[in-house]
Amino acid sequence: MPGNSSSFLYWAPDFDGWPNSWIGVKEDLDLSRKLLSCFIEFLQALYAKAIQKNSKNPLTSGFFRVQRF
């Protein structure tokens, strides 16, 4: 489900499908979905900050900030 331009889903429209690509066995799917839900708030904040700075690639912008820590 693609998001609008104020949501990180704008650049990660397949976000909800990520757990399916992580599973090794079927039992991993529930854990993967729970893990993914932990990233939502962080990714949204990262995206919003990047948008404020007029970045063309919010993921790259956030990566360099996180890398400094």
Protein backbone atom coordinates (compact mmCIF):
# COMPACT_ATOMS: atom_id res chain seq x y z
CA MET A 1 0.00 0.00 0.00
CA PRO A 2 1.79 3.13 -1.12
CA GLY A 3 1.61 6.02 1.27
CA ASN A 4 1.22 9.70 0.59
CA SER A 5 4.29 11.91 0.38
CA SER A 6 4.17 12.66 4.13
CA SER A 7 4.60 8.98 5.02
CA PHE A 8 7.74 6.85 4.81
CA LEU A 9 5.56 4.38 2.89
CA TYR A 10 5.94 6.77 -0.04
CA TRP A 11 9.47 5.46 -0.60
CA ALA A 12 8.81 1.99 0.86
CA PRO A 13 5.46 0.93 -0.62
CA ASP A 14 6.34 -2.75 -0.16
CA PHE A 15 7.04 -2.29 3.58
CA ASP A 16 4.20 -4.60 4.64
CA GLY A 17 5.63 -7.36 2.46
CA TRP A 18 9.14 -7.28 3.95
CA PRO A 19 8.48 -10.06 6.51
CA ASN A 20 7.67 -12.43 3.67
CA SER A 21 11.17 -11.95 2.30
CA TRP A 22 12.80 -12.58 5.70
CA ILE A 23 11.20 -15.87 6.62
CA GLY A 24 13.30 -19.00 6.66
CA VAL A 25 10.42 -21.14 7.87
CA LYS A 26 6.71 -20.39 8.15
CA GLU A 27 6.97 -19.96 11.92
CA ASP A 28 9.22 -16.90 11.37
CA LEU A 29 6.44 -14.88 9.77
CA ASP A 30 4.70 -13.77 13.00
CA LEU A 31 7.99 -12.77 14.62
CA SER A 32 9.03 -10.90 11.47
CA ARG A 33 5.77 -8.93 11.46
CA LYS A 34 6.25 -7.99 15.11
CA LEU A 35 9.82 -6.92 14.42
CA LEU A 36 8.70 -4.82 11.48
CA SER A 37 6.19 -2.97 13.66
CA CYS A 38 9.11 -1.82 15.83
CA PHE A 39 10.60 0.04 12.86
CA ILE A 40 7.53 2.08 11.90
CA GLU A 41 8.00 5.00 14.29
CA PHE A 42 11.74 5.23 13.59
CA LEU A 43 11.31 5.14 9.81
CA GLN A 44 8.56 7.76 9.91
CA ALA A 45 10.72 10.11 12.02
CA LEU A 46 13.68 9.53 9.74
CA TYR A 47 11.59 10.25 6.68
CA ALA A 48 10.05 13.40 8.18
CA LYS A 49 13.48 14.77 9.11
CA ALA A 50 14.82 14.08 5.63
CA ILE A 51 11.82 15.79 4.04
CA GLN A 52 12.46 18.86 6.21
CA LYS A 53 15.99 19.07 4.86
CA ASN A 54 14.73 18.66 1.27
CA SER A 55 16.66 15.46 0.79
CA LYS A 56 16.05 13.55 -2.42
CA ASN A 57 16.82 10.22 -0.73
CA PRO A 58 15.63 10.09 2.88
CA LEU A 59 17.06 6.64 3.50
CA THR A 60 20.58 7.76 2.59
CA SER A 61 20.25 10.95 4.61
CA GLY A 62 19.26 9.00 7.73
CA PHE A 63 21.93 6.39 7.17
CA PHE A 64 24.70 8.94 7.48
CA ARG A 65 23.18 10.37 10.69
CA VAL A 66 22.85 6.92 12.26
CA GLN A 67 26.35 6.00 11.13
CA ARG A 68 27.83 8.91 13.12
CA PHE A 69 26.52 7.42 16.38
